[in-house]
N, C-alpha and C. Protein backbone atom coordinates (compact mmCIF):
# COMPACT_ATOMS: atom_id res chain seq x y z
N UNK A 1 -11.31 1.85 -4.83
CA UNK A 1 -11.99 2.83 -3.93
C UNK A 1 -11.37 4.17 -3.60
N UNK A 2 -11.62 5.52 -3.85
CA UNK A 2 -10.72 6.31 -3.43
C UNK A 2 -10.91 6.79 -2.05
N UNK A 3 -9.89 7.10 -1.21
CA UNK A 3 -10.01 7.72 0.14
C UNK A 3 -9.43 8.87 0.23
N UNK A 4 -10.04 9.58 1.39
CA UNK A 4 -9.72 10.90 1.58
C UNK A 4 -8.26 11.68 1.67
N UNK A 5 -7.51 10.65 1.83
CA UNK A 5 -5.99 11.02 1.49
C UNK A 5 -5.60 11.02 -0.14
N UNK A 6 -6.35 10.39 -0.83
CA UNK A 6 -6.06 10.54 -2.36
C UNK A 6 -6.73 11.76 -3.35
N UNK A 7 -7.65 12.24 -2.61
CA UNK A 7 -8.24 13.30 -3.03
C UNK A 7 -7.32 14.36 -3.56
N UNK A 8 -7.49 15.23 -4.88
CA UNK A 8 -6.81 15.76 -5.21
C UNK A 8 -6.56 17.32 -4.27
N UNK A 9 -5.46 18.07 -4.29
CA UNK A 9 -5.86 19.15 -3.71
C UNK A 9 -6.51 20.10 -4.16
N UNK A 10 -7.22 20.60 -3.02
CA UNK A 10 -8.08 21.73 -4.00
C UNK A 10 -9.72 21.16 -3.93
N UNK A 11 -9.84 19.92 -3.63
CA UNK A 11 -11.17 19.47 -3.74
C UNK A 11 -12.12 19.83 -2.59
N UNK A 12 -13.31 19.95 -2.87
CA UNK A 12 -14.42 20.59 -1.79
C UNK A 12 -15.51 19.95 -2.05
N UNK A 13 -15.85 19.53 -0.37
CA UNK A 13 -16.95 18.87 -0.06
C UNK A 13 -18.41 19.16 -0.40
N UNK A 14 -19.24 18.83 -1.35
CA UNK A 14 -20.21 19.41 -1.69
C UNK A 14 -21.40 18.95 -1.36
N UNK A 15 -21.57 17.71 -0.62
CA UNK A 15 -22.96 17.01 0.10
C UNK A 15 -22.34 16.10 0.94
N UNK A 16 -22.98 16.13 1.84
CA UNK A 16 -22.85 14.75 3.19
C UNK A 16 -24.34 13.95 3.22
N UNK A 17 -24.46 13.02 3.02
CA UNK A 17 -25.72 12.21 3.19
C UNK A 17 -25.49 11.49 4.65
N UNK A 18 -26.46 11.71 5.46
CA UNK A 18 -26.69 11.56 6.89
C UNK A 18 -27.81 10.46 7.12
N UNK A 19 -27.67 9.63 7.60
CA UNK A 19 -28.69 8.47 7.82
C UNK A 19 -28.68 7.89 9.55
N UNK A 20 -29.65 8.08 9.84
CA UNK A 20 -29.99 7.69 11.57
C UNK A 20 -28.69 8.19 12.55
N UNK A 21 -28.33 9.44 12.23
CA UNK A 21 -27.31 10.21 12.91
C UNK A 21 -25.65 10.02 12.12
N UNK A 22 -25.50 9.12 11.19
CA UNK A 22 -24.47 8.93 11.03
C UNK A 22 -24.11 9.04 9.51
N UNK A 23 -22.71 9.59 8.95
CA UNK A 23 -22.33 10.14 7.83
C UNK A 23 -22.14 8.90 7.18
N UNK A 24 -23.29 8.66 5.86
CA UNK A 24 -22.97 6.99 5.09
C UNK A 24 -22.05 7.42 3.96
N UNK A 25 -22.16 8.38 3.48
CA UNK A 25 -21.49 9.23 2.07
C UNK A 25 -21.03 10.63 2.35
N UNK A 26 -19.75 11.04 1.59
CA UNK A 26 -19.30 12.34 1.42
C UNK A 26 -19.48 12.47 -0.15
N UNK A 27 -19.42 13.79 -0.76
CA UNK A 27 -19.34 13.71 -2.00
C UNK A 27 -18.58 15.12 -2.21
N UNK A 28 -17.81 14.76 -2.98
CA UNK A 28 -16.33 15.83 -3.18
C UNK A 28 -16.32 16.07 -4.73
N UNK A 29 -15.96 17.56 -4.99
CA UNK A 29 -15.68 18.16 -6.43
C UNK A 29 -14.36 18.35 -6.48
N UNK A 30 -13.96 17.68 -7.35
CA UNK A 30 -12.18 18.14 -7.62
C UNK A 30 -11.80 19.62 -8.25
N UNK A 31 -10.89 19.93 -8.27
CA UNK A 31 -10.52 21.51 -9.28
C UNK A 31 -11.31 20.94 -10.54
N UNK A 32 -10.87 19.75 -11.25
CA UNK A 32 -11.35 19.65 -12.20
C UNK A 32 -12.50 19.24 -12.70
N UNK A 33 -13.79 19.46 -11.81
CA UNK A 33 -15.03 19.42 -11.86
C UNK A 33 -15.40 18.10 -11.71
N UNK A 34 -14.69 16.92 -11.47
CA UNK A 34 -15.18 15.33 -11.34
C UNK A 34 -15.87 15.31 -10.00
N UNK A 35 -16.87 14.53 -9.80
CA UNK A 35 -17.36 14.30 -8.52
C UNK A 35 -16.85 12.91 -8.21
N UNK A 36 -16.77 12.99 -6.55
CA UNK A 36 -15.98 11.58 -6.25
C UNK A 36 -16.70 11.45 -4.60
N UNK A 37 -17.47 10.39 -4.56
CA UNK A 37 -18.45 9.85 -3.24
C UNK A 37 -17.22 8.78 -2.39
N UNK A 38 -17.18 9.15 -1.28
CA UNK A 38 -16.38 8.41 -0.36
C UNK A 38 -17.30 7.78 0.38
N UNK A 39 -17.50 6.43 0.94
CA UNK A 39 -18.42 5.64 1.74
C UNK A 39 -17.11 5.47 3.22
N UNK A 40 -17.29 6.11 4.28
CA UNK A 40 -16.43 6.08 5.25
C UNK A 40 -16.76 4.40 5.89
N UNK A 41 -15.74 3.99 6.12
CA UNK A 41 -15.69 2.75 6.96
C UNK A 41 -16.29 1.50 6.50
N UNK A 42 -16.59 1.67 5.00
CA UNK A 42 -17.33 0.62 4.75
C UNK A 42 -16.72 -0.78 4.57
N UNK A 43 -15.38 -0.51 4.20
CA UNK A 43 -14.78 -2.07 4.21
C UNK A 43 -14.56 -2.65 5.70
N UNK A 44 -14.57 -1.77 6.79
CA UNK A 44 -14.45 -2.52 8.18
C UNK A 44 -15.77 -3.17 8.41
N UNK A 45 -16.74 -2.50 7.80
CA UNK A 45 -18.09 -3.18 8.21
C UNK A 45 -18.11 -4.34 7.50
N UNK A 46 -17.80 -4.16 6.19
CA UNK A 46 -18.14 -5.51 5.55
C UNK A 46 -17.24 -6.88 6.06
N UNK A 47 -15.83 -6.73 6.80
CA UNK A 47 -15.07 -7.42 7.11
C UNK A 47 -15.29 -7.93 8.33
N UNK A 48 -16.21 -7.24 9.48
CA UNK A 48 -16.83 -7.99 10.64
C UNK A 48 -17.87 -8.86 10.41
């Protein structure tokens, strides 16, 4: 799973999905046109 630290330089945030006041997904477009979705704190919620 990609992380914000591994996004290529120049990537732009193109979409933010919010549910019940919390960010559940961010979509980024890389300079090459690839779309990458990030799900914040997904692994920490599953571990709990």
